[in-house]
N, C-alpha and C. Protein backbone atom coordinates (compact mmCIF):
# COMPACT_ATOMS: atom_id res chain seq x y z
N UNK A 1 -36.39 11.45 -35.24
CA UNK A 1 -35.05 11.72 -34.79
C UNK A 1 -34.72 10.91 -33.56
N UNK A 2 -35.77 10.54 -32.81
CA UNK A 2 -35.57 9.77 -31.59
C UNK A 2 -34.96 8.41 -31.90
N UNK A 3 -35.32 7.82 -33.02
CA UNK A 3 -34.76 6.53 -33.42
C UNK A 3 -33.26 6.60 -33.64
N UNK A 4 -32.77 7.73 -34.10
CA UNK A 4 -31.34 7.90 -34.33
C UNK A 4 -30.56 7.82 -33.02
N UNK A 5 -31.08 8.45 -31.96
CA UNK A 5 -30.35 8.50 -30.70
C UNK A 5 -30.35 7.14 -29.99
N UNK A 6 -31.30 6.29 -30.26
CA UNK A 6 -31.35 4.98 -29.60
C UNK A 6 -30.46 3.95 -30.28
N UNK A 7 -30.17 4.13 -31.53
CA UNK A 7 -29.35 3.15 -32.25
C UNK A 7 -27.89 3.36 -31.92
N UNK A 8 -27.14 2.29 -31.91
CA UNK A 8 -25.71 2.37 -31.66
C UNK A 8 -25.05 3.07 -32.84
N UNK A 9 -24.33 4.13 -32.58
CA UNK A 9 -23.63 4.84 -33.65
C UNK A 9 -24.51 5.76 -34.45
N UNK A 10 -25.72 6.02 -34.01
CA UNK A 10 -26.63 6.87 -34.76
C UNK A 10 -26.11 8.27 -34.97
N UNK A 11 -25.43 8.81 -34.00
CA UNK A 11 -24.87 10.16 -34.13
C UNK A 11 -23.77 10.17 -35.18
N UNK A 12 -22.96 9.12 -35.19
CA UNK A 12 -21.88 9.04 -36.19
C UNK A 12 -22.48 8.97 -37.59
N UNK A 13 -23.54 8.18 -37.75
CA UNK A 13 -24.18 8.07 -39.06
C UNK A 13 -24.80 9.39 -39.48
N UNK A 14 -25.43 10.08 -38.55
CA UNK A 14 -26.01 11.38 -38.85
C UNK A 14 -24.92 12.37 -39.26
N UNK A 15 -23.82 12.36 -38.53
CA UNK A 15 -22.69 13.25 -38.86
C UNK A 15 -22.16 12.94 -40.26
N UNK A 16 -22.07 11.65 -40.60
CA UNK A 16 -21.58 11.26 -41.92
C UNK A 16 -22.51 11.76 -43.03
N UNK A 17 -23.79 11.65 -42.80
CA UNK A 17 -24.76 12.11 -43.80
C UNK A 17 -24.66 13.62 -43.98
N UNK A 18 -24.58 14.36 -42.87
CA UNK A 18 -24.46 15.81 -42.95
C UNK A 18 -23.16 16.20 -43.64
N UNK A 19 -22.05 15.53 -43.31
CA UNK A 19 -20.77 15.82 -43.96
C UNK A 19 -20.84 15.52 -45.45
N UNK A 20 -21.44 14.40 -45.81
CA UNK A 20 -21.58 14.04 -47.22
C UNK A 20 -22.36 15.10 -47.98
N UNK A 21 -23.46 15.54 -47.42
CA UNK A 21 -24.28 16.57 -48.08
C UNK A 21 -23.53 17.89 -48.17
N UNK A 22 -22.80 18.26 -47.13
CA UNK A 22 -22.04 19.52 -47.16
C UNK A 22 -20.95 19.47 -48.22
N UNK A 23 -20.25 18.36 -48.32
CA UNK A 23 -19.19 18.25 -49.32
C UNK A 23 -19.77 18.22 -50.73
N UNK A 24 -20.91 17.57 -50.89
CA UNK A 24 -21.56 17.58 -52.20
C UNK A 24 -21.96 19.00 -52.58
N UNK A 25 -22.46 19.77 -51.63
CA UNK A 25 -22.80 21.16 -51.89
C UNK A 25 -21.56 21.96 -52.27
N UNK A 26 -20.43 21.72 -51.59
CA UNK A 26 -19.19 22.44 -51.89
C UNK A 26 -18.76 22.18 -53.32
N UNK A 27 -18.91 20.96 -53.80
CA UNK A 27 -18.54 20.65 -55.18
C UNK A 27 -19.42 21.43 -56.15
N UNK A 28 -20.72 21.53 -55.86
CA UNK A 28 -21.60 22.25 -56.78
C UNK A 28 -21.30 23.74 -56.77
N UNK A 29 -20.83 24.29 -55.65
CA UNK A 29 -20.50 25.71 -55.58
C UNK A 29 -19.22 26.01 -56.35
N UNK A 30 -18.20 25.17 -56.18
CA UNK A 30 -16.91 25.44 -56.80
C UNK A 30 -16.83 25.01 -58.25
N UNK A 31 -17.69 24.13 -58.69
CA UNK A 31 -17.75 23.74 -60.09
C UNK A 31 -16.52 22.98 -60.54
N UNK A 32 -16.29 23.00 -61.84
CA UNK A 32 -15.19 22.26 -62.43
C UNK A 32 -13.87 22.99 -62.24
N UNK A 33 -12.80 22.28 -62.51
CA UNK A 33 -11.47 22.81 -62.28
C UNK A 33 -11.07 23.80 -63.36
N UNK A 34 -10.42 24.89 -62.93
CA UNK A 34 -9.90 25.90 -63.84
C UNK A 34 -8.38 25.83 -63.78
N UNK A 35 -7.75 25.69 -64.94
CA UNK A 35 -6.30 25.56 -65.01
C UNK A 35 -5.73 26.80 -65.69
N UNK A 36 -4.85 27.51 -64.98
CA UNK A 36 -4.21 28.69 -65.57
C UNK A 36 -3.14 28.23 -66.55
N UNK A 37 -3.29 28.59 -67.80
CA UNK A 37 -2.36 28.19 -68.85
C UNK A 37 -0.98 28.78 -68.55
N UNK A 38 0.01 27.90 -68.51
CA UNK A 38 1.39 28.32 -68.25
C UNK A 38 1.73 28.47 -66.78
N UNK A 39 0.76 28.25 -65.89
CA UNK A 39 1.03 28.42 -64.46
C UNK A 39 1.41 29.86 -64.17
N UNK A 40 2.46 30.06 -63.41
CA UNK A 40 2.89 31.41 -63.01
C UNK A 40 3.38 32.24 -64.20
N UNK A 41 3.79 31.57 -65.27
CA UNK A 41 4.30 32.30 -66.45
C UNK A 41 3.17 32.77 -67.36
N UNK A 42 1.99 32.25 -67.16
CA UNK A 42 0.78 32.63 -67.89
C UNK A 42 0.95 32.47 -69.41
N UNK A 43 0.17 33.19 -70.20
CA UNK A 43 0.16 33.09 -71.67
C UNK A 43 1.07 34.18 -72.21
N UNK A 44 2.35 33.84 -72.40
CA UNK A 44 3.38 34.79 -72.82
C UNK A 44 4.36 34.12 -73.77
N UNK A 45 5.12 34.91 -74.51
CA UNK A 45 6.14 34.34 -75.40
C UNK A 45 7.26 33.66 -74.59
N UNK A 46 7.99 32.81 -75.27
CA UNK A 46 9.17 32.14 -74.73
C UNK A 46 8.87 31.26 -73.52
N UNK A 47 7.69 30.66 -73.50
CA UNK A 47 7.32 29.68 -72.48
C UNK A 47 7.16 28.35 -73.20
N UNK A 48 7.69 27.29 -72.61
CA UNK A 48 7.57 25.97 -73.22
C UNK A 48 6.23 25.35 -72.80
N UNK A 49 5.20 25.61 -73.58
CA UNK A 49 3.87 25.11 -73.26
C UNK A 49 3.75 23.61 -73.47
N UNK A 50 4.60 23.05 -74.32
CA UNK A 50 4.61 21.60 -74.51
C UNK A 50 5.03 20.92 -73.21
N UNK A 51 6.10 21.43 -72.61
CA UNK A 51 6.59 20.88 -71.34
C UNK A 51 5.55 21.13 -70.23
N UNK A 52 4.99 22.32 -70.20
CA UNK A 52 4.00 22.66 -69.17
C UNK A 52 2.80 21.72 -69.26
N UNK A 53 2.25 21.55 -70.47
CA UNK A 53 1.03 20.73 -70.62
C UNK A 53 1.30 19.25 -70.37
N UNK A 54 2.55 18.80 -70.56
CA UNK A 54 2.88 17.40 -70.30
C UNK A 54 2.75 17.07 -68.82
N UNK A 55 2.83 18.07 -67.96
CA UNK A 55 2.71 17.86 -66.52
C UNK A 55 1.29 18.08 -66.00
N UNK A 56 0.34 18.20 -66.89
CA UNK A 56 -1.06 18.46 -66.53
C UNK A 56 -1.94 17.30 -66.99
N UNK A 57 -3.11 17.21 -66.40
CA UNK A 57 -4.16 16.31 -66.87
C UNK A 57 -5.36 17.17 -67.21
N UNK A 58 -5.90 16.96 -68.39
CA UNK A 58 -7.04 17.74 -68.86
C UNK A 58 -8.21 16.80 -69.07
N UNK A 59 -9.33 17.10 -68.41
CA UNK A 59 -10.51 16.26 -68.51
C UNK A 59 -11.70 17.09 -68.99
N UNK A 60 -12.67 16.40 -69.57
CA UNK A 60 -13.90 17.05 -70.03
C UNK A 60 -14.51 17.80 -68.84
N UNK A 61 -14.88 19.04 -69.08
CA UNK A 61 -15.46 19.87 -68.04
C UNK A 61 -14.47 20.83 -67.40
N UNK A 62 -13.18 20.64 -67.64
CA UNK A 62 -12.17 21.57 -67.11
C UNK A 62 -12.20 22.85 -67.94
N UNK A 63 -11.67 23.92 -67.36
CA UNK A 63 -11.58 25.21 -68.03
C UNK A 63 -10.11 25.59 -68.16
N UNK A 64 -9.71 26.06 -69.34
CA UNK A 64 -8.38 26.66 -69.50
C UNK A 64 -8.54 28.15 -69.25
N UNK A 65 -7.69 28.70 -68.42
CA UNK A 65 -7.74 30.11 -68.05
C UNK A 65 -6.50 30.79 -68.62
N UNK A 66 -6.71 31.61 -69.64
CA UNK A 66 -5.62 32.33 -70.30
C UNK A 66 -5.52 33.73 -69.71
N UNK A 67 -4.34 34.08 -69.18
CA UNK A 67 -4.09 35.42 -68.65
C UNK A 67 -2.93 35.99 -69.46
N UNK A 68 -3.16 37.16 -70.07
CA UNK A 68 -2.16 37.71 -71.00
C UNK A 68 -2.36 39.20 -71.16
N UNK A 69 -1.41 39.83 -71.83
CA UNK A 69 -1.50 41.26 -72.14
C UNK A 69 -2.36 41.41 -73.39
N UNK A 70 -3.55 41.96 -73.23
CA UNK A 70 -4.53 42.05 -74.32
C UNK A 70 -4.08 42.95 -75.46
N UNK A 71 -3.08 43.80 -75.21
CA UNK A 71 -2.62 44.70 -76.28
C UNK A 71 -1.83 43.96 -77.36
N UNK A 72 -1.26 42.79 -76.99
CA UNK A 72 -0.37 42.10 -77.92
C UNK A 72 -0.83 40.70 -78.31
N UNK A 73 -1.48 40.00 -77.41
CA UNK A 73 -1.73 38.58 -77.62
C UNK A 73 -3.22 38.28 -77.76
N UNK A 74 -3.51 37.05 -78.18
CA UNK A 74 -4.88 36.59 -78.36
C UNK A 74 -4.94 35.10 -78.04
N UNK A 75 -6.14 34.55 -78.02
CA UNK A 75 -6.36 33.12 -77.80
C UNK A 75 -7.20 32.62 -78.96
N UNK A 76 -6.56 31.87 -79.84
CA UNK A 76 -7.22 31.38 -81.05
C UNK A 76 -7.14 29.86 -81.10
N UNK A 77 -8.28 29.21 -81.31
CA UNK A 77 -8.26 27.76 -81.49
C UNK A 77 -8.16 27.45 -82.97
N UNK A 78 -7.22 26.58 -83.30
CA UNK A 78 -6.97 26.19 -84.69
C UNK A 78 -6.93 24.67 -84.77
N UNK A 79 -6.85 24.17 -86.00
CA UNK A 79 -6.69 22.72 -86.17
C UNK A 79 -5.20 22.37 -86.03
N UNK A 80 -4.88 21.09 -86.16
CA UNK A 80 -3.50 20.64 -85.97
C UNK A 80 -2.54 21.29 -86.97
N UNK A 81 -2.97 21.42 -88.21
CA UNK A 81 -2.12 22.06 -89.23
C UNK A 81 -1.86 23.52 -88.88
N UNK A 82 -2.89 24.23 -88.45
CA UNK A 82 -2.72 25.62 -88.04
C UNK A 82 -1.78 25.73 -86.86
N UNK A 83 -1.85 24.78 -85.94
CA UNK A 83 -0.95 24.76 -84.79
C UNK A 83 0.50 24.56 -85.23
N UNK A 84 0.70 23.58 -86.09
CA UNK A 84 2.06 23.27 -86.55
C UNK A 84 2.66 24.40 -87.38
N UNK A 85 1.83 25.09 -88.16
CA UNK A 85 2.32 26.15 -89.05
C UNK A 85 2.13 27.56 -88.50
N UNK A 86 1.62 27.67 -87.28
CA UNK A 86 1.30 28.98 -86.69
C UNK A 86 0.43 29.79 -87.64
N UNK A 87 -0.62 29.16 -88.13
CA UNK A 87 -1.49 29.77 -89.13
C UNK A 87 -2.93 29.82 -88.62
N UNK A 88 -3.61 30.91 -88.96
CA UNK A 88 -5.02 31.06 -88.61
C UNK A 88 -5.94 30.83 -89.80
N UNK A 89 -5.40 30.19 -90.85
CA UNK A 89 -6.20 29.95 -92.06
C UNK A 89 -7.47 29.15 -91.78
N UNK A 90 -7.39 28.20 -90.87
CA UNK A 90 -8.55 27.36 -90.54
C UNK A 90 -8.91 27.57 -89.07
N UNK A 91 -9.29 28.78 -88.75
CA UNK A 91 -9.63 29.16 -87.38
C UNK A 91 -10.89 28.44 -86.92
N UNK A 92 -10.81 27.81 -85.74
CA UNK A 92 -11.97 27.14 -85.16
C UNK A 92 -12.71 28.09 -84.23
N UNK A 93 -11.96 28.87 -83.45
CA UNK A 93 -12.59 29.79 -82.52
C UNK A 93 -11.65 30.87 -82.04
N UNK A 94 -12.23 32.03 -81.75
CA UNK A 94 -11.46 33.15 -81.19
C UNK A 94 -12.01 33.39 -79.79
N UNK A 95 -11.17 33.12 -78.79
CA UNK A 95 -11.61 33.26 -77.40
C UNK A 95 -11.06 34.52 -76.75
N UNK A 96 -10.61 35.45 -77.57
CA UNK A 96 -10.07 36.69 -77.07
C UNK A 96 -11.23 37.61 -76.73
N UNK A 97 -11.45 37.80 -75.44
CA UNK A 97 -12.58 38.63 -75.00
C UNK A 97 -12.23 40.08 -74.82
N UNK A 98 -10.97 40.42 -75.00
CA UNK A 98 -10.56 41.81 -74.87
C UNK A 98 -10.06 42.20 -73.50
N UNK A 99 -10.28 41.36 -72.50
CA UNK A 99 -9.86 41.70 -71.15
C UNK A 99 -8.50 41.11 -70.79
N UNK A 100 -8.05 40.14 -71.57
CA UNK A 100 -6.80 39.47 -71.23
C UNK A 100 -6.96 38.45 -70.12
N UNK A 101 -8.19 38.08 -69.84
CA UNK A 101 -8.52 37.06 -68.83
C UNK A 101 -9.63 36.21 -69.42
N UNK A 102 -9.25 35.26 -70.24
CA UNK A 102 -10.26 34.50 -70.98
C UNK A 102 -10.23 33.03 -70.61
N UNK A 103 -11.40 32.40 -70.63
CA UNK A 103 -11.52 30.99 -70.30
C UNK A 103 -12.09 30.22 -71.49
N UNK A 104 -11.67 28.97 -71.59
CA UNK A 104 -12.16 28.08 -72.64
C UNK A 104 -12.61 26.79 -71.96
N UNK A 105 -13.86 26.43 -72.18
CA UNK A 105 -14.39 25.19 -71.63
C UNK A 105 -13.96 24.03 -72.51
N UNK A 106 -13.36 23.03 -71.90
CA UNK A 106 -12.97 21.81 -72.62
C UNK A 106 -14.15 20.85 -72.50
N UNK A 107 -15.06 20.93 -73.48
CA UNK A 107 -16.33 20.22 -73.35
C UNK A 107 -16.41 18.90 -74.10
N UNK A 108 -15.34 18.49 -74.76
CA UNK A 108 -15.33 17.18 -75.39
C UNK A 108 -13.96 16.56 -75.33
N UNK A 109 -13.94 15.25 -75.39
CA UNK A 109 -12.70 14.49 -75.33
C UNK A 109 -12.07 14.49 -76.73
N UNK A 110 -11.01 15.29 -76.87
CA UNK A 110 -10.31 15.40 -78.16
C UNK A 110 -9.08 16.26 -77.97
N UNK A 111 -8.20 16.33 -78.98
CA UNK A 111 -7.09 17.29 -78.89
C UNK A 111 -7.56 18.71 -79.19
N UNK A 112 -7.05 19.66 -78.46
CA UNK A 112 -7.32 21.08 -78.68
C UNK A 112 -5.99 21.75 -79.03
N UNK A 113 -6.05 22.71 -79.95
CA UNK A 113 -4.85 23.44 -80.37
C UNK A 113 -5.12 24.94 -80.28
N UNK A 114 -4.24 25.65 -79.57
CA UNK A 114 -4.38 27.10 -79.40
C UNK A 114 -3.09 27.79 -79.81
N UNK A 115 -3.25 28.94 -80.45
CA UNK A 115 -2.11 29.79 -80.79
C UNK A 115 -2.52 31.24 -80.51
N UNK A 116 -1.55 32.11 -80.61
CA UNK A 116 -1.84 33.54 -80.57
C UNK A 116 -1.49 34.12 -81.93
N UNK A 117 -2.12 35.22 -82.27
CA UNK A 117 -1.84 35.86 -83.56
C UNK A 117 -0.68 36.84 -83.47
N UNK A 118 -0.50 37.60 -84.50
CA UNK A 118 0.52 38.65 -84.51
C UNK A 118 1.95 38.14 -84.59
N UNK A 119 2.16 36.90 -84.99
CA UNK A 119 3.51 36.37 -85.12
C UNK A 119 4.10 35.83 -83.82
N UNK A 120 3.41 36.01 -82.70
CA UNK A 120 3.95 35.55 -81.42
C UNK A 120 3.92 34.03 -81.28
N UNK A 121 3.15 33.37 -82.11
CA UNK A 121 3.14 31.91 -82.12
C UNK A 121 4.54 31.38 -82.39
N UNK A 122 5.29 32.07 -83.23
CA UNK A 122 6.65 31.64 -83.55
C UNK A 122 7.59 31.79 -82.34
N UNK A 123 7.17 32.56 -81.34
CA UNK A 123 7.95 32.69 -80.10
C UNK A 123 7.45 31.75 -79.02
N UNK A 124 6.74 30.71 -79.43
CA UNK A 124 6.32 29.68 -78.49
C UNK A 124 4.92 29.79 -77.95
N UNK A 125 4.17 30.82 -78.35
CA UNK A 125 2.82 30.97 -77.81
C UNK A 125 1.83 30.09 -78.57
N UNK A 126 1.97 28.79 -78.32
CA UNK A 126 1.04 27.82 -78.87
C UNK A 126 0.93 26.67 -77.88
N UNK A 127 -0.27 26.14 -77.79
CA UNK A 127 -0.58 25.13 -76.78
C UNK A 127 -1.41 24.02 -77.40
N UNK A 128 -0.99 22.79 -77.13
CA UNK A 128 -1.74 21.61 -77.55
C UNK A 128 -2.09 20.82 -76.30
N UNK A 129 -3.36 20.48 -76.13
CA UNK A 129 -3.78 19.67 -74.99
C UNK A 129 -4.67 18.53 -75.47
N UNK A 130 -4.52 17.39 -74.85
CA UNK A 130 -5.38 16.25 -75.13
C UNK A 130 -6.35 16.11 -73.97
N UNK A 131 -7.63 16.30 -74.26
CA UNK A 131 -8.66 16.25 -73.23
C UNK A 131 -9.23 14.84 -73.19
N UNK A 132 -9.27 14.29 -71.98
CA UNK A 132 -9.74 12.93 -71.77
C UNK A 132 -11.08 12.94 -71.03
N UNK A 133 -11.80 11.82 -71.14
CA UNK A 133 -13.01 11.67 -70.33
C UNK A 133 -12.57 11.64 -68.87
N UNK A 134 -13.47 11.97 -67.97
CA UNK A 134 -13.13 11.95 -66.56
C UNK A 134 -12.70 10.54 -66.16
N UNK A 135 -11.70 10.44 -65.27
CA UNK A 135 -11.25 9.10 -64.86
C UNK A 135 -12.36 8.37 -64.12
N UNK A 136 -12.39 7.04 -64.27
CA UNK A 136 -13.44 6.29 -63.56
C UNK A 136 -13.22 6.34 -62.06
N UNK A 137 -14.30 6.23 -61.33
CA UNK A 137 -14.22 6.18 -59.87
C UNK A 137 -13.57 4.85 -59.50
N UNK A 138 -12.57 4.86 -58.62
CA UNK A 138 -11.90 3.60 -58.28
C UNK A 138 -12.88 2.62 -57.62
N UNK A 139 -12.67 1.34 -57.91
CA UNK A 139 -13.52 0.30 -57.33
C UNK A 139 -13.22 0.18 -55.84
N UNK A 140 -14.25 -0.15 -55.09
CA UNK A 140 -14.09 -0.32 -53.64
C UNK A 140 -13.49 -1.68 -53.34
N UNK A 141 -12.51 -1.71 -52.45
CA UNK A 141 -11.89 -2.97 -52.04
C UNK A 141 -12.77 -3.63 -50.98
N UNK A 142 -12.85 -4.95 -51.01
CA UNK A 142 -13.66 -5.63 -49.98
C UNK A 142 -13.02 -5.44 -48.61
N UNK A 143 -13.85 -5.32 -47.59
CA UNK A 143 -13.34 -5.15 -46.23
C UNK A 143 -13.78 -6.33 -45.37
N UNK A 144 -12.98 -6.64 -44.38
CA UNK A 144 -13.29 -7.73 -43.47
C UNK A 144 -13.42 -7.22 -42.03
N UNK A 145 -13.86 -5.99 -41.86
CA UNK A 145 -13.99 -5.46 -40.50
C UNK A 145 -15.37 -5.78 -39.95
N UNK A 146 -15.52 -5.56 -38.65
CA UNK A 146 -16.77 -5.90 -37.99
C UNK A 146 -17.71 -4.70 -37.88
N UNK A 147 -17.43 -3.61 -38.56
CA UNK A 147 -18.30 -2.44 -38.49
C UNK A 147 -19.62 -2.72 -39.17
N UNK A 148 -20.66 -2.09 -38.71
CA UNK A 148 -21.95 -2.26 -39.40
C UNK A 148 -21.84 -1.73 -40.82
N UNK A 149 -22.54 -2.35 -41.75
CA UNK A 149 -22.44 -1.93 -43.15
C UNK A 149 -22.75 -0.46 -43.35
N UNK A 150 -23.72 0.08 -42.65
CA UNK A 150 -24.09 1.48 -42.88
C UNK A 150 -22.95 2.41 -42.47
N UNK A 151 -22.24 2.12 -41.39
CA UNK A 151 -21.14 2.96 -40.96
C UNK A 151 -19.98 2.85 -41.95
N UNK A 152 -19.67 1.64 -42.43
CA UNK A 152 -18.60 1.46 -43.41
C UNK A 152 -18.92 2.20 -44.70
N UNK A 153 -20.15 2.06 -45.16
CA UNK A 153 -20.57 2.74 -46.37
C UNK A 153 -20.48 4.24 -46.20
N UNK A 154 -20.84 4.73 -45.04
CA UNK A 154 -20.77 6.16 -44.77
C UNK A 154 -19.33 6.66 -44.92
N UNK A 155 -18.39 5.95 -44.33
CA UNK A 155 -16.98 6.38 -44.40
C UNK A 155 -16.45 6.28 -45.82
N UNK A 156 -16.87 5.28 -46.55
CA UNK A 156 -16.45 5.16 -47.95
C UNK A 156 -16.98 6.35 -48.75
N UNK A 157 -18.24 6.71 -48.57
CA UNK A 157 -18.82 7.85 -49.28
C UNK A 157 -18.11 9.15 -48.93
N UNK A 158 -17.85 9.35 -47.63
CA UNK A 158 -17.15 10.56 -47.21
C UNK A 158 -15.76 10.60 -47.82
N UNK A 159 -15.04 9.49 -47.82
CA UNK A 159 -13.69 9.43 -48.39
C UNK A 159 -13.71 9.76 -49.87
N UNK A 160 -14.66 9.19 -50.60
CA UNK A 160 -14.76 9.46 -52.04
C UNK A 160 -15.06 10.92 -52.29
N UNK A 161 -16.02 11.48 -51.56
CA UNK A 161 -16.39 12.89 -51.77
C UNK A 161 -15.24 13.81 -51.41
N UNK A 162 -14.52 13.52 -50.31
CA UNK A 162 -13.38 14.35 -49.93
C UNK A 162 -12.30 14.30 -51.01
N UNK A 163 -11.99 13.11 -51.50
CA UNK A 163 -10.97 12.98 -52.55
C UNK A 163 -11.40 13.71 -53.81
N UNK A 164 -12.67 13.54 -54.18
CA UNK A 164 -13.18 14.17 -55.40
C UNK A 164 -13.21 15.69 -55.23
N UNK A 165 -13.66 16.16 -54.09
CA UNK A 165 -13.76 17.59 -53.84
C UNK A 165 -12.39 18.23 -53.81
N UNK A 166 -11.41 17.56 -53.23
CA UNK A 166 -10.07 18.16 -53.12
C UNK A 166 -9.47 18.42 -54.49
N UNK A 167 -9.85 17.66 -55.51
CA UNK A 167 -9.32 17.90 -56.85
C UNK A 167 -9.79 19.23 -57.42
N UNK A 168 -10.89 19.79 -56.90
CA UNK A 168 -11.41 21.06 -57.40
C UNK A 168 -10.69 22.26 -56.78
N UNK A 169 -9.92 22.03 -55.72
CA UNK A 169 -9.24 23.13 -55.07
C UNK A 169 -7.78 23.22 -55.49
N UNK A 170 -7.34 22.36 -56.39
CA UNK A 170 -5.96 22.38 -56.86
C UNK A 170 -5.85 23.46 -57.92
N UNK A 171 -4.89 24.33 -57.78
CA UNK A 171 -4.65 25.38 -58.76
C UNK A 171 -3.34 25.06 -59.43
N UNK A 172 -3.36 24.58 -60.65
CA UNK A 172 -2.15 24.13 -61.35
C UNK A 172 -1.19 25.30 -61.51
N UNK A 173 0.01 25.10 -61.05
CA UNK A 173 1.03 26.12 -61.12
C UNK A 173 2.36 25.50 -61.50
N UNK A 174 2.32 24.50 -62.36
CA UNK A 174 3.54 23.78 -62.74
C UNK A 174 4.10 24.39 -63.99
């Protein structure tokens, strides 16, 4: 530790490493992003889920969080034909857990189609989302400053982790 205090900027570098590790830990604690379906309107009839989902980005590893009245509605994954026809003939999955607070992991890059049963699909309770692979990490721009490489690299790492971590604290409410 004595070597750190003798080097120019050693405390700054130590602080950067500690910050980087703390932010990395925060990401592991909070996990992937959870998106409440429909935002404040939740999973209910007469909501335009097509418009709502157009304002969202869905990536592999995200969770859809369905909040609804369990006495009337359900969360059913169907194929495209079932989505278009409000039909459960080719049911892929039933995510209705009975509590009215159900989550669906979007674990592959593909289109997902959800409807509710009981005829409520005809009142707009259907959702189509296109799940994409996670966006690539942006390339680093070359710098022409006189900072030591280790300090520059430290700030770049902290900036990337802060930007990445902040995306996990966004609660979609559009």
